[in-house]
Protein backbone atom coordinates (compact mmCIF):
# COMPACT_ATOMS: atom_id res chain seq x y z
CA MET A 1 18.71 -19.27 -14.11
CA LYS A 2 16.02 -18.79 -16.76
CA LYS A 3 16.59 -18.92 -20.37
CA ILE A 4 17.21 -15.60 -21.59
CA GLY A 5 16.50 -14.21 -24.91
CA ILE A 6 17.93 -10.93 -26.33
CA LEU A 7 16.39 -9.20 -29.28
CA GLY A 8 18.64 -6.59 -30.46
CA VAL A 9 22.21 -7.10 -29.16
CA ASP A 10 23.71 -3.52 -28.48
CA GLU A 11 26.21 -2.27 -25.81
CA LEU A 12 23.78 -2.50 -23.07
CA THR A 13 22.80 -6.06 -23.79
CA ALA A 14 26.42 -7.06 -24.59
CA GLN A 15 27.41 -5.75 -21.33
CA LEU A 16 24.32 -7.54 -19.61
CA VAL A 17 25.47 -10.81 -21.33
CA ARG A 18 29.19 -10.46 -19.97
CA GLN A 19 27.99 -9.77 -16.45
CA LEU A 20 25.38 -12.63 -16.58
CA PHE A 21 28.01 -15.25 -17.60
CA LEU A 22 30.39 -14.04 -14.89
CA ALA A 23 27.87 -14.38 -12.25
CA ALA A 24 26.10 -17.58 -13.67
CA PRO A 25 28.46 -19.47 -16.12
CA ASP A 26 25.80 -21.94 -16.69
CA ALA A 27 23.20 -19.46 -18.08
CA GLN A 28 21.46 -20.00 -21.26
CA VAL A 29 21.36 -17.02 -23.47
CA PHE A 30 19.93 -16.82 -26.94
CA LEU A 31 20.73 -13.87 -29.15
CA SER A 32 19.05 -12.40 -32.21
CA PRO A 33 20.91 -11.98 -35.41
CA GLY A 34 22.44 -8.80 -36.32
CA GLN A 35 25.52 -6.71 -35.57
CA PRO A 36 27.89 -9.45 -36.44
CA GLU A 37 30.92 -7.98 -34.98
CA ARG A 38 29.32 -7.70 -31.52
CA ILE A 39 27.72 -11.07 -31.73
CA ASN A 40 30.85 -12.77 -32.89
CA ALA A 41 32.61 -11.15 -29.85
CA LEU A 42 30.37 -12.40 -27.48
CA ALA A 43 30.25 -15.91 -28.92
CA MET A 44 33.91 -16.14 -28.69
CA ASP A 45 34.00 -15.25 -25.02
CA PHE A 46 30.92 -17.03 -23.78
CA PRO A 47 28.61 -20.12 -24.74
CA CYS A 48 25.55 -18.09 -26.01
CA TRP A 49 23.60 -19.01 -29.08
CA THR A 50 23.00 -16.98 -32.05
CA MET A 51 19.65 -17.91 -33.49
CA ALA A 52 18.53 -17.74 -37.15
CA ASP A 53 15.86 -15.11 -36.54
CA ASN A 54 14.05 -13.30 -33.77
CA GLN A 55 11.15 -15.88 -33.60
CA ALA A 56 13.78 -18.65 -32.80
CA VAL A 57 15.01 -16.68 -29.86
CA ILE A 58 11.35 -16.42 -28.57
CA ASP A 59 10.97 -20.07 -29.08
CA GLU A 60 13.88 -21.00 -26.76
CA ALA A 61 13.59 -18.25 -24.16
CA GLU A 62 11.42 -17.89 -21.04
CA LEU A 63 12.55 -14.15 -20.33
CA LEU A 64 13.04 -11.72 -23.39
CA LEU A 65 15.28 -8.54 -23.17
CA VAL A 66 14.56 -6.18 -26.01
CA SER A 67 16.75 -3.26 -27.10
CA TRP A 68 15.16 -1.93 -30.22
CA PRO A 69 14.63 1.57 -31.15
CA LEU A 70 11.14 2.92 -30.46
CA TYR A 71 10.28 3.29 -34.12
CA ALA A 72 11.09 -0.26 -35.05
CA LEU A 73 9.00 -1.99 -32.40
CA PRO A 74 5.93 -2.26 -34.49
CA GLU A 75 7.94 -4.08 -37.21
CA LEU A 76 9.39 -6.33 -34.67
CA ALA A 77 5.89 -6.84 -33.07
CA SER A 78 4.50 -7.86 -36.45
CA GLN A 79 7.34 -10.57 -37.09
CA ILE A 80 7.14 -12.49 -33.65
CA ARG A 81 4.73 -14.36 -31.57
CA LEU A 82 5.18 -14.41 -27.87
CA ARG A 83 3.95 -17.36 -25.62
CA PRO A 84 1.44 -16.35 -22.93
CA ALA A 85 3.95 -16.74 -19.90
CA GLN A 86 6.91 -15.16 -21.25
CA MET A 87 8.10 -11.68 -19.82
CA LEU A 88 9.22 -9.18 -22.17
CA ILE A 89 11.49 -6.42 -20.82
CA TYR A 90 12.24 -3.36 -23.08
CA LEU A 91 15.44 -1.88 -22.03
CA THR A 92 14.93 1.56 -23.39
CA ALA A 93 12.73 4.19 -21.55
CA GLY A 94 10.47 6.33 -23.48
CA LEU A 95 6.99 4.90 -23.84
CA PRO A 96 4.49 3.91 -21.33
CA ALA A 97 4.31 0.02 -20.64
CA ALA A 98 0.79 0.06 -21.66
CA VAL A 99 1.68 1.10 -25.32
CA LEU A 100 4.47 -1.58 -25.29
CA ARG A 101 1.75 -4.10 -24.19
CA GLN A 102 -0.20 -2.65 -27.20
CA ILE A 103 2.37 -2.91 -29.61
CA PHE A 104 3.24 -6.58 -28.81
CA ARG A 105 -0.40 -7.82 -27.93
CA HIS A 106 1.18 -9.11 -24.86
CA ASP A 107 0.26 -8.79 -21.19
CA HIS A 108 3.64 -9.39 -19.76
CA CYS A 109 5.66 -6.25 -20.93
CA VAL A 110 7.66 -4.00 -18.79
CA ILE A 111 9.93 -1.09 -19.34
CA MET A 112 13.29 -0.70 -17.56
CA SER A 113 14.51 2.87 -16.70
CA GLN A 114 17.51 3.83 -14.76
CA ALA A 115 17.29 6.02 -11.82
CA THR A 116 20.02 8.32 -10.47
CA PRO A 117 21.24 8.72 -7.02
CA LEU A 118 19.64 12.08 -6.56
CA ALA A 119 16.27 11.07 -8.23
CA PRO A 120 13.44 10.57 -5.87
CA ARG A 121 12.10 6.95 -5.51
CA ARG A 122 9.16 6.56 -7.58
CA PRO A 123 5.88 6.25 -5.54
CA ASP A 124 4.91 3.22 -7.54
CA ALA A 125 8.25 1.30 -7.30
CA LEU A 126 8.22 -1.67 -5.05
CA ALA A 127 11.26 -3.39 -3.43
CA ILE A 128 11.58 -6.86 -4.90
CA ALA A 129 12.79 -9.80 -3.03
CA PRO A 130 16.45 -10.86 -3.52
CA GLY A 131 16.69 -14.15 -5.64
CA THR A 132 13.77 -13.42 -7.92
CA PRO A 133 14.78 -13.99 -11.57
CA ILE A 134 14.20 -10.34 -12.49
CA GLN A 135 16.38 -9.09 -9.73
CA GLN A 136 18.93 -11.78 -10.41
CA ILE A 137 19.44 -10.60 -14.01
CA PHE A 138 19.51 -6.76 -13.40
CA ALA A 139 21.52 -6.89 -10.20
CA LEU A 140 24.22 -8.40 -12.44
CA LEU A 141 24.50 -5.08 -14.11
CA ASN A 142 25.30 -3.40 -10.82
CA GLU A 143 25.78 -4.70 -7.27
CA MET A 144 23.28 -2.04 -5.96
CA PRO A 145 19.80 -2.85 -5.06
CA MET A 146 17.24 -2.80 -7.65
CA LEU A 147 13.35 -1.79 -7.61
CA ILE A 148 10.68 -3.00 -9.62
CA GLY A 149 7.73 -0.39 -10.31
CA GLY A 150 4.43 -2.44 -10.29
CA VAL A 151 4.13 -4.17 -13.55
CA ASP A 152 5.11 -1.12 -15.69
CA THR A 153 8.69 -0.23 -14.78
CA ILE A 154 11.80 -1.93 -13.78
CA GLU A 155 13.87 0.78 -12.16
CA ILE A 156 17.58 0.13 -11.21
CA SER A 157 18.15 2.30 -8.33
CA TRP A 158 21.57 3.32 -6.68
CA GLN A 159 19.66 3.70 -3.36
CA ALA A 160 19.25 1.27 -0.66
CA THR A 161 16.08 -0.45 -0.52
CA PRO A 162 14.28 -1.26 2.96
C-alpha cells in the first residue's frame, strides 16, 4: 500500500482512514494538522501520523487526498510544493480537473465524484483493474466496483463494471 497523505481531515477522510486501516493494518497515513478532535480520535484508534504542517504531509506521502473547500485551494496551493510523481486526488466535486491542475501547478491531479445507482455511466469513465493503488484505496470506502474517468475524474460507481 502506498504512503497516503491527507490534507483536510473531515468526516469523509476520517471514514476513509478507518476503512483503510481495517483493510490494510500496515498502511502508512499522514494527516495534516487541524480539527484536533477528529485527528486525536483517529490517532487513538489507528497508527497514523499527524504532521506539523501540510508540506510535511506532502514530503512523506506518495498519494495525496485533499478535502478542502474550493475557495481555500489557492491558499493551500501557494503554501505547498508537490513532487512531480505525486498524485493529488481532490475529494470534492465542483470544478474541472484542468482548473485543479492550474491551481496546484501540477499535472497529476484528479477529482473524485460519486455516482448514484441510477446515474448513467460517464462516457469517459474507464473500468480500472483490481489491485491498482487508486482502486484499492477507494474500494475501501465501499465494496462495490469503482470507475476512473480518464485523468480527470475518479467516479465511485454502484454499478457493476464489465
